[in-house]
Amino acid sequence: MKNPDVYDFIAIGLGPFNLSLACLVEPIDGLEGIFLERNTSFEWHPGMLIDNTTLQNPFLADLVSLADPRSPYSFLNYCKQEGKIYSYYIRENLYLTRAEYDRYCKWAITRLSSIRFSHEVHNISYDEQSRHYVVTGTCGPRSDAFVVQSRKLVLGVGSVPTFPPCCCDPHHRYLHSADYITHRPRLLRHESITIIGSGQSAAEIFYDLLKSRGDYNYALTWITRSPRFFQLENTKLTLEMASPDYIDYFFNLPDATKNELISTQHSLYKGINARLVNQIYDLLDDCQRLENLRTHLIANCEVQACRYSAELDEYELEFEQMDYHIRYTHRTGVVLFATGYSQRIPPFISGIRERILWDQHGRYQLSRNYSVDINGDEIFVQNAGLHTHGIADPDLGMNCYRNSCIIRALTGVEHYKIEERIALQDFAVPNCEQFMRLPEHA
């Protein structure tokens, strides 16, 4: 008989990945878990909820549909319940705006019983006698102490903004794309704005500022280390790399090969969607013909220093042009870094660190089932396996697949059908008589 004070699992963090897990777990009888989130409400990249920006995944990559199309937590049911399904049908748009996706996630949360907001975890320990994980922290407006126990854990604490190494002044607050909406009114008051980065976030911010510059007349500069402003590769055979087939192929590669592959695959998950690239070009062309355009888009340049002058209220950037190896300086009123995010190891796991597998770089060493613990079935992580599972790991479209695998590991039962092969191509050479492996040379 179960101890009523011990959960089957405790999930920490509530982004889209753990929220998907909450939705998929809700109807499973006998599986008891809670989701602890330190914020007072759901927040999904609030600094990037720019008007009319869209996800890069079709709406079927919602919280549940690719695991259970009949789920009451699907985006289509959200549309039906909110009276939007016919308008969505008529619009014929496969891609949700970020704001609509955010509203959909908040709608799903109101229908779940397992979410605990304002619960900040401070420490996790392991009780050897009971074989339970003990999670402690504070909750509520008065920071009351709480203690909960579980047999297993799911960590979904998300990522943190990253900056170039030159942004090292601990006394200065550098702006990241994660802060954009909050600081946008202040940005518009400057005479010049510079964006650093090459991905979708940088492009969305550049386009938003380009549309507004006629009202404010600031100079706008976009600098990237990448050799070009590259399009996200999303042809159908390329999209198959976000599949169980490619995960299996990638997972079994040597670690050195995995690291090398990831470094060459940025255009598969970090590029700009073609529609936005074309919108930027068209607007630049229109502005150039109608007015004195004060914009610069410069690729292949690496920022190597960033200094802020409080007296002048401006930044001085130093960067190197990567082909000619010539260094330049650039002065700007404000600089915004759209330089991505990195996974973080939360300090609260220090008490169970010895129960977790680590690779030589200090990263989680994930098993194929997304567990990281020494037993292979107790501690699971969300969106922390780019280096082990490949480019499918951060993809919203593989959210349901990963959570179906985690639920199977939590329960021992495949509650949601887990696809093993969906790709039409072979990522490894087939093991059949038409393809014979040659003996290795001595």
Protein backbone atom coordinates (compact mmCIF):
# COMPACT_ATOMS: atom_id res chain seq x y z
CA MET A 1 0.00 0.00 0.00
CA LYS A 2 1.29 3.49 -0.90
CA ASN A 3 2.35 5.95 1.73
CA PRO A 4 -0.07 8.89 1.18
CA ASP A 5 2.65 11.37 2.18
CA VAL A 6 5.04 10.17 -0.55
CA TYR A 7 4.48 11.03 -4.20
CA ASP A 8 5.41 8.76 -7.06
CA PHE A 9 7.36 11.66 -8.53
CA ILE A 10 8.03 15.34 -7.98
CA ALA A 11 8.68 17.54 -11.01
CA ILE A 12 10.55 20.81 -10.50
CA GLY A 13 10.05 23.70 -12.91
CA LEU A 14 7.07 24.46 -15.15
CA GLY A 15 8.00 25.32 -18.69
CA PRO A 16 6.24 23.78 -21.70
CA PHE A 17 8.10 20.48 -21.29
CA ASN A 18 7.04 19.78 -17.71
CA LEU A 19 3.62 21.28 -18.40
CA SER A 20 3.19 18.71 -21.16
CA LEU A 21 4.14 16.01 -18.68
CA ALA A 22 1.54 17.34 -16.22
CA CYS A 23 -1.17 17.18 -18.87
CA LEU A 24 -0.24 13.65 -19.93
CA VAL A 25 0.00 12.39 -16.35
CA GLU A 26 -3.32 13.91 -15.20
CA PRO A 27 -5.61 11.13 -16.53
CA ILE A 28 -3.39 8.22 -15.42
CA ASP A 29 -4.96 6.49 -12.42
CA GLY A 30 -2.58 5.54 -9.64
CA LEU A 31 0.26 7.84 -10.69
CA GLU A 32 0.60 10.62 -8.12
CA GLY A 33 2.91 13.54 -8.77
CA ILE A 34 3.20 17.27 -8.18
CA PHE A 35 4.87 20.06 -10.12
CA LEU A 36 6.71 22.73 -8.15
CA GLU A 37 7.30 26.15 -9.74
CA ARG A 38 8.95 29.04 -7.93
CA ASN A 39 7.16 31.76 -9.94
CA THR A 40 3.67 32.89 -9.00
CA SER A 41 2.30 32.07 -12.45
CA PHE A 42 3.27 30.49 -15.76
CA GLU A 43 5.83 32.51 -17.69
CA TRP A 44 7.09 31.40 -21.09
CA HIS A 45 9.72 33.78 -22.46
CA PRO A 46 7.64 36.85 -21.53
CA GLY A 47 10.38 39.14 -22.83
CA MET A 48 9.89 37.77 -26.36
CA LEU A 49 6.10 37.96 -26.68
CA ILE A 50 6.43 40.37 -29.60
CA ASP A 51 3.23 41.05 -31.52
CA ASN A 52 2.55 38.51 -34.29
CA THR A 53 5.72 36.47 -33.79
CA THR A 54 5.08 32.75 -34.27
CA LEU A 55 6.41 29.42 -33.11
CA GLN A 56 8.57 27.49 -35.54
CA ASN A 57 6.54 24.32 -34.98
CA PRO A 58 3.03 23.64 -36.37
CA PHE A 59 0.16 23.68 -33.88
CA LEU A 60 0.19 19.87 -33.61
CA ALA A 61 3.32 20.32 -31.50
CA ASP A 62 1.12 21.38 -28.60
CA LEU A 63 1.30 19.97 -25.09
CA VAL A 64 -0.34 16.61 -25.81
CA SER A 65 -1.54 15.90 -29.35
CA LEU A 66 1.47 13.95 -30.64
CA ALA A 67 1.07 11.56 -27.69
CA ASP A 68 -2.73 11.61 -27.35
CA PRO A 69 -4.77 13.39 -30.05
CA ARG A 70 -7.91 12.79 -27.96
CA SER A 71 -6.60 14.62 -24.90
CA PRO A 72 -8.78 17.35 -23.39
CA TYR A 73 -5.62 19.47 -23.11
CA SER A 74 -5.02 19.73 -26.86
CA PHE A 75 -4.77 23.05 -28.67
CA LEU A 76 -7.81 22.16 -30.76
CA ASN A 77 -9.89 21.57 -27.64
CA TYR A 78 -8.63 24.91 -26.30
CA CYS A 79 -9.90 26.52 -29.52
CA LYS A 80 -13.24 24.74 -29.19
CA GLN A 81 -13.72 25.70 -25.54
CA GLU A 82 -12.70 29.31 -26.19
CA GLY A 83 -14.97 29.63 -29.23
CA LYS A 84 -12.06 30.01 -31.67
CA ILE A 85 -12.07 26.77 -33.62
CA TYR A 86 -13.92 28.05 -36.70
CA SER A 87 -11.86 31.21 -36.95
CA TYR A 88 -8.72 29.08 -36.66
CA TYR A 89 -10.05 26.79 -39.39
CA ILE A 90 -10.80 29.71 -41.68
CA ARG A 91 -7.42 31.35 -41.14
CA GLU A 92 -5.64 28.17 -42.36
CA ASN A 93 -2.52 28.96 -40.36
CA LEU A 94 -0.49 26.05 -39.03
CA TYR A 95 1.71 28.24 -36.83
CA LEU A 96 0.59 29.76 -33.53
CA THR A 97 1.70 33.16 -32.40
CA ARG A 98 3.84 33.11 -29.27
CA ALA A 99 1.14 35.03 -27.42
CA GLU A 100 -1.55 32.48 -28.40
CA TYR A 101 0.67 29.60 -27.30
CA ASP A 102 1.23 31.34 -23.98
CA ARG A 103 -2.55 31.77 -23.51
CA TYR A 104 -3.11 28.11 -24.42
CA CYS A 105 -0.57 26.94 -21.81
CA LYS A 106 -2.22 29.09 -19.13
CA TRP A 107 -5.63 27.67 -20.12
CA ALA A 108 -4.30 24.13 -19.67
CA ILE A 109 -2.87 24.97 -16.24
CA THR A 110 -6.30 26.03 -14.93
CA ARG A 111 -7.51 22.48 -15.62
CA LEU A 112 -4.71 20.69 -13.77
CA SER A 113 -4.69 19.66 -10.11
CA SER A 114 -0.98 18.95 -9.71
CA ILE A 115 0.56 22.43 -10.18
CA ARG A 116 2.05 24.24 -7.17
CA PHE A 117 3.12 27.82 -7.92
CA SER A 118 5.19 29.92 -5.51
CA HIS A 119 7.12 26.82 -4.42
CA GLU A 120 10.85 27.43 -4.51
CA VAL A 121 13.01 24.38 -3.99
CA HIS A 122 16.12 24.92 -1.86
CA ASN A 123 17.46 21.42 -1.41
CA ILE A 124 16.98 17.79 -2.38
CA SER A 125 18.40 14.91 -0.37
CA TYR A 126 18.05 11.15 -0.51
CA ASP A 127 16.87 9.09 2.44
CA GLU A 128 18.70 5.77 2.18
CA GLN A 129 16.42 4.04 4.67
CA SER A 130 13.10 4.87 3.00
CA ARG A 131 14.63 5.22 -0.49
CA HIS A 132 12.79 8.46 -0.98
CA TYR A 133 13.89 11.83 -2.31
CA VAL A 134 13.24 14.60 0.19
CA VAL A 135 12.52 18.01 -1.34
CA THR A 136 12.59 21.08 0.89
CA GLY A 137 11.95 24.75 0.18
CA THR A 138 9.70 27.71 0.83
CA CYS A 139 6.29 28.62 -0.53
CA GLY A 140 3.69 31.34 -0.56
CA PRO A 141 3.92 35.07 0.15
CA ARG A 142 5.32 34.44 3.64
CA SER A 143 7.97 31.95 2.46
CA ASP A 144 6.62 29.17 4.63
CA ALA A 145 8.80 26.06 4.78
CA PHE A 146 7.63 22.89 3.03
CA VAL A 147 8.91 19.30 2.87
CA VAL A 148 7.67 16.73 0.35
CA GLN A 149 8.94 13.27 -0.56
CA SER A 150 8.87 11.18 -3.69
CA ARG A 151 10.23 8.02 -5.20
CA LYS A 152 11.39 9.75 -8.37
CA LEU A 153 12.19 13.21 -9.75
CA VAL A 154 11.77 15.11 -13.02
CA LEU A 155 13.94 18.21 -13.40
CA GLY A 156 12.68 20.84 -15.83
CA VAL A 157 14.27 24.03 -14.54
CA GLY A 158 14.92 25.52 -17.96
CA SER A 159 17.89 27.48 -19.22
CA VAL A 160 19.50 30.84 -18.51
CA PRO A 161 20.50 33.66 -20.90
CA THR A 162 24.09 33.55 -22.11
CA PHE A 163 26.37 36.43 -23.05
CA PRO A 164 29.71 36.62 -24.85
CA PRO A 165 32.69 36.08 -22.52
CA CYS A 166 33.59 39.78 -22.83
CA CYS A 167 30.44 40.76 -20.89
CA CYS A 168 32.17 40.21 -17.59
CA ASP A 169 31.56 43.42 -15.61
CA PRO A 170 29.67 42.18 -12.52
CA HIS A 171 28.46 45.72 -11.74
CA HIS A 172 26.71 46.25 -15.08
CA ARG A 173 23.42 44.70 -16.22
CA TYR A 174 23.74 43.68 -19.85
CA LEU A 175 20.51 43.38 -21.79
CA HIS A 176 19.49 40.04 -23.27
CA SER A 177 16.71 39.24 -25.73
CA ALA A 178 14.91 37.65 -22.76
CA ASP A 179 14.47 41.22 -21.43
CA TYR A 180 13.33 42.78 -24.70
CA ILE A 181 9.64 43.54 -24.12
CA THR A 182 10.30 44.82 -20.60
CA HIS A 183 12.98 47.26 -21.76
CA ARG A 184 11.62 48.09 -25.22
CA PRO A 185 10.24 51.55 -24.27
CA ARG A 186 13.67 52.53 -22.96
CA LEU A 187 15.46 51.14 -26.02
CA LEU A 188 13.37 53.28 -28.36
CA ARG A 189 14.61 56.48 -26.75
CA HIS A 190 18.24 55.88 -27.77
CA GLU A 191 19.78 57.36 -30.92
CA SER A 192 21.34 54.03 -31.86
CA ILE A 193 20.56 50.38 -31.09
CA THR A 194 22.77 47.37 -31.77
CA ILE A 195 21.66 43.73 -31.75
CA ILE A 196 24.19 40.90 -31.36
CA GLY A 197 23.20 37.40 -32.52
CA SER A 198 21.97 35.53 -35.57
CA GLY A 199 19.00 33.37 -34.60
CA GLN A 200 15.24 33.74 -34.62
CA SER A 201 15.13 35.97 -31.53
CA ALA A 202 17.66 38.42 -33.00
CA ALA A 203 15.70 38.53 -36.26
CA GLU A 204 12.37 39.09 -34.51
CA ILE A 205 13.79 41.96 -32.48
CA PHE A 206 15.49 43.53 -35.50
CA TYR A 207 12.27 43.35 -37.51
CA ASP A 208 10.21 44.80 -34.66
CA LEU A 209 12.64 47.70 -34.25
CA LEU A 210 12.89 48.21 -37.99
CA LYS A 211 9.11 48.65 -38.19
CA SER A 212 9.22 51.28 -35.42
CA ARG A 213 12.26 53.27 -36.47
CA GLY A 214 10.28 55.74 -38.58
CA ASP A 215 8.65 57.05 -35.41
CA TYR A 216 11.93 57.35 -33.48
CA ASN A 217 14.68 57.67 -36.13
CA TYR A 218 17.35 55.64 -34.35
CA ALA A 219 20.24 53.99 -36.16
CA LEU A 220 19.87 50.21 -36.13
CA THR A 221 22.77 47.74 -36.38
CA TRP A 222 22.71 43.94 -36.43
CA ILE A 223 26.01 42.08 -35.94
CA THR A 224 26.53 38.33 -35.90
CA ARG A 225 29.49 36.00 -35.56
CA SER A 226 27.85 33.58 -38.01
CA PRO A 227 29.17 33.68 -41.58
CA ARG A 228 25.73 34.70 -42.85
CA PHE A 229 22.18 35.44 -41.72
CA PHE A 230 21.13 31.87 -42.29
CA GLN A 231 17.71 30.36 -42.79
CA LEU A 232 16.44 27.60 -40.55
CA GLU A 233 16.59 24.36 -42.52
CA ASN A 234 13.10 22.91 -42.46
CA THR A 235 12.76 20.77 -45.54
CA LYS A 236 10.95 17.52 -44.90
CA LEU A 237 13.94 15.18 -44.98
CA THR A 238 15.81 17.55 -42.68
CA LEU A 239 12.87 17.67 -40.26
CA GLU A 240 13.18 13.89 -39.92
CA MET A 241 16.30 14.56 -37.83
CA ALA A 242 13.86 15.45 -35.05
CA SER A 243 12.65 11.87 -34.83
CA PRO A 244 13.07 8.75 -32.67
CA ASP A 245 15.11 7.26 -35.53
CA TYR A 246 17.72 10.02 -35.43
CA ILE A 247 17.77 10.08 -31.62
CA ASP A 248 18.71 6.38 -31.65
CA TYR A 249 21.39 7.00 -34.28
CA PHE A 250 22.83 10.03 -32.50
CA PHE A 251 22.69 8.52 -29.01
CA ASN A 252 24.93 5.61 -30.01
CA LEU A 253 27.66 7.75 -31.58
CA PRO A 254 30.97 8.35 -29.75
CA ASP A 255 30.82 11.44 -27.54
CA ALA A 256 33.49 13.26 -29.55
CA THR A 257 31.50 12.70 -32.73
CA LYS A 258 28.33 13.98 -31.07
CA ASN A 259 30.03 17.22 -30.02
CA GLU A 260 31.45 17.72 -33.50
CA LEU A 261 28.06 17.10 -35.14
CA ILE A 262 26.21 19.53 -32.88
CA SER A 263 28.73 22.26 -33.75
CA THR A 264 27.88 21.86 -37.46
CA GLN A 265 24.08 21.70 -37.09
CA HIS A 266 23.21 25.25 -36.00
CA SER A 267 21.11 25.88 -39.09
CA LEU A 268 18.88 22.95 -38.08
CA TYR A 269 17.71 24.53 -34.83
CA LYS A 270 19.17 28.05 -34.53
CA GLY A 271 18.35 29.64 -37.89
CA ILE A 272 15.71 32.18 -38.90
CA ASN A 273 12.52 31.05 -40.58
CA ALA A 274 12.34 31.91 -44.27
CA ARG A 275 9.18 33.99 -43.95
CA LEU A 276 10.83 36.35 -41.47
CA VAL A 277 14.02 36.61 -43.53
CA ASN A 278 11.93 37.70 -46.51
CA GLN A 279 9.88 40.14 -44.43
CA ILE A 280 13.07 41.79 -43.17
CA TYR A 281 14.48 42.09 -46.67
CA ASP A 282 11.27 43.54 -48.11
CA LEU A 283 10.95 46.10 -45.34
CA LEU A 284 14.61 47.11 -45.67
CA ASP A 285 14.12 47.57 -49.40
CA ASP A 286 10.97 49.67 -48.87
CA CYS A 287 12.70 51.84 -46.26
CA GLN A 288 15.73 52.35 -48.46
CA ARG A 289 13.63 53.71 -51.31
CA LEU A 290 11.46 55.92 -49.12
CA GLU A 291 13.91 57.46 -46.66
CA ASN A 292 17.50 57.75 -45.52
CA LEU A 293 18.04 54.27 -44.13
CA ARG A 294 20.43 54.13 -41.17
CA THR A 295 20.79 50.39 -40.76
CA HIS A 296 23.72 47.99 -40.96
CA LEU A 297 23.61 44.19 -41.09
CA ILE A 298 27.09 42.75 -40.61
CA ALA A 299 27.87 39.02 -40.53
CA ASN A 300 31.09 37.14 -39.79
CA CYS A 301 32.12 39.45 -36.95
CA GLU A 302 32.90 38.29 -33.42
CA VAL A 303 32.41 40.65 -30.49
CA GLN A 304 35.52 40.56 -28.30
CA ALA A 305 34.98 43.47 -25.91
CA CYS A 306 32.01 45.41 -24.57
CA ARG A 307 32.46 48.51 -22.40
CA TYR A 308 29.79 50.79 -21.02
CA SER A 309 30.44 54.47 -20.31
CA ALA A 310 28.07 55.84 -17.68
CA GLU A 311 29.31 59.36 -18.43
CA LEU A 312 28.39 59.14 -22.12
CA ASP A 313 25.57 56.61 -21.60
CA GLU A 314 26.81 54.53 -24.51
CA TYR A 315 28.57 51.29 -25.28
CA GLU A 316 31.81 50.68 -27.13
CA LEU A 317 32.08 47.29 -28.80
CA GLU A 318 35.25 45.77 -30.18
CA PHE A 319 34.85 43.05 -32.76
CA GLU A 320 36.94 41.18 -35.31
CA GLN A 321 36.00 40.54 -38.91
CA MET A 322 36.62 36.80 -39.13
CA ASP A 323 37.82 36.54 -42.74
CA TYR A 324 40.24 39.49 -42.82
CA HIS A 325 41.08 39.31 -39.09
CA ILE A 326 40.73 43.07 -38.79
CA ARG A 327 39.50 44.57 -35.52
CA TYR A 328 36.96 47.40 -35.33
CA THR A 329 35.22 49.48 -32.68
CA HIS A 330 31.56 50.37 -32.75
CA ARG A 331 29.79 52.91 -30.52
CA THR A 332 26.09 52.56 -29.82
CA GLY A 333 23.55 53.93 -27.39
CA VAL A 334 22.41 50.49 -26.30
CA VAL A 335 23.33 46.91 -27.14
CA LEU A 336 21.02 43.92 -26.85
CA PHE A 337 22.42 40.38 -26.87
CA ALA A 338 20.31 37.74 -28.59
CA THR A 339 22.99 35.16 -27.89
CA GLY A 340 20.91 32.25 -26.75
CA TYR A 341 20.58 30.24 -23.58
CA SER A 342 22.53 27.57 -21.76
CA GLN A 343 21.47 24.76 -19.50
CA ARG A 344 22.03 25.30 -15.81
CA ILE A 345 22.69 22.82 -13.06
CA PRO A 346 20.47 24.04 -10.20
CA PRO A 347 22.25 24.39 -6.84
CA PHE A 348 19.47 22.54 -5.03
CA ILE A 349 20.70 19.18 -6.40
CA SER A 350 23.98 19.39 -4.47
CA GLY A 351 22.55 16.98 -1.90
CA ILE A 352 22.00 14.27 -4.53
CA ARG A 353 24.94 15.05 -6.79
CA GLU A 354 26.56 11.68 -6.11
CA ARG A 355 23.43 9.92 -7.38
CA ILE A 356 23.70 11.62 -10.77
CA LEU A 357 25.86 10.61 -13.74
CA TRP A 358 28.09 13.35 -15.20
CA ASP A 359 30.13 13.49 -18.38
CA GLN A 360 33.69 14.78 -18.66
CA HIS A 361 32.41 18.32 -19.32
CA GLY A 362 30.33 18.44 -16.14
CA ARG A 363 27.04 17.94 -18.00
CA TYR A 364 24.28 15.47 -17.21
CA GLN A 365 25.04 12.07 -18.74
CA LEU A 366 21.58 11.09 -19.94
CA SER A 367 20.48 7.54 -20.53
CA ARG A 368 18.33 6.78 -23.54
CA ASN A 369 15.17 7.07 -21.38
CA TYR A 370 16.21 10.61 -20.27
CA SER A 371 17.26 9.52 -16.78
CA VAL A 372 20.50 10.78 -15.26
CA ASP A 373 20.72 8.79 -12.01
CA ILE A 374 23.01 5.88 -11.23
CA ASN A 375 20.13 3.40 -11.35
CA GLY A 376 18.72 4.66 -14.64
CA ASP A 377 15.11 5.06 -13.58
CA GLU A 378 14.80 7.65 -10.77
CA ILE A 379 15.87 11.15 -11.89
CA PHE A 380 14.83 12.48 -15.29
CA VAL A 381 15.67 15.77 -16.98
CA GLN A 382 13.83 17.84 -19.56
CA ASN A 383 15.59 19.69 -22.39
CA ALA A 384 19.12 19.06 -21.13
CA GLY A 385 20.23 16.40 -23.61
CA LEU A 386 21.31 18.21 -26.77
CA HIS A 387 24.75 16.61 -26.32
CA THR A 388 23.32 13.10 -25.83
CA HIS A 389 20.07 12.99 -27.83
CA GLY A 390 20.80 15.54 -30.55
CA ILE A 391 18.82 18.40 -32.03
CA ALA A 392 15.47 16.77 -31.25
CA ASP A 393 15.98 17.44 -27.55
CA PRO A 394 15.02 21.17 -27.44
CA ASP A 395 12.38 20.77 -30.17
CA LEU A 396 8.79 21.38 -29.04
CA GLY A 397 7.70 18.81 -31.60
CA MET A 398 9.48 16.04 -29.65
CA ASN A 399 8.06 17.15 -26.30
CA CYS A 400 5.31 14.51 -26.24
CA TYR A 401 7.69 11.78 -27.35
CA ARG A 402 10.12 12.46 -24.50
CA ASN A 403 7.33 12.66 -21.94
CA SER A 404 5.84 9.40 -23.18
CA CYS A 405 9.25 7.80 -22.60
CA ILE A 406 9.52 9.34 -19.13
CA ILE A 407 6.00 8.18 -18.19
CA ARG A 408 6.88 4.65 -19.30
CA ALA A 409 10.00 4.78 -17.13
CA LEU A 410 8.03 6.16 -14.17
CA THR A 411 5.31 3.53 -14.33
CA GLY A 412 6.71 0.56 -16.23
CA VAL A 413 3.72 0.84 -18.58
CA GLU A 414 3.55 2.38 -22.06
CA HIS A 415 0.49 4.56 -21.45
CA TYR A 416 1.05 6.43 -24.72
CA LYS A 417 2.21 4.66 -27.85
CA ILE A 418 5.91 5.42 -28.40
CA GLU A 419 6.91 5.49 -32.02
CA GLU A 420 10.24 3.82 -32.78
CA ARG A 421 10.58 4.51 -36.50
CA ILE A 422 8.88 7.33 -38.38
CA ALA A 423 11.62 8.44 -40.82
CA LEU A 424 11.58 7.52 -44.47
CA GLN A 425 15.38 7.70 -44.63
CA ASP A 426 18.08 5.58 -43.00
CA PHE A 427 20.45 7.45 -40.71
CA ALA A 428 22.71 4.42 -40.33
CA VAL A 429 23.60 1.98 -43.11
CA PRO A 430 20.94 -0.77 -43.09
CA ASN A 431 21.94 -4.11 -41.66
CA CYS A 432 20.83 -6.30 -44.53
CA GLU A 433 22.30 -8.38 -47.34
CA GLN A 434 22.30 -5.48 -49.83
CA PHE A 435 24.84 -3.63 -47.68
CA MET A 436 27.88 -5.61 -46.59
CA ARG A 437 30.36 -4.11 -44.15
CA LEU A 438 33.95 -4.32 -45.33
CA PRO A 439 36.62 -5.57 -42.93
CA GLU A 440 38.62 -2.84 -41.25
CA HIS A 441 42.18 -2.29 -42.48
CA ALA A 442 44.91 -3.50 -40.19
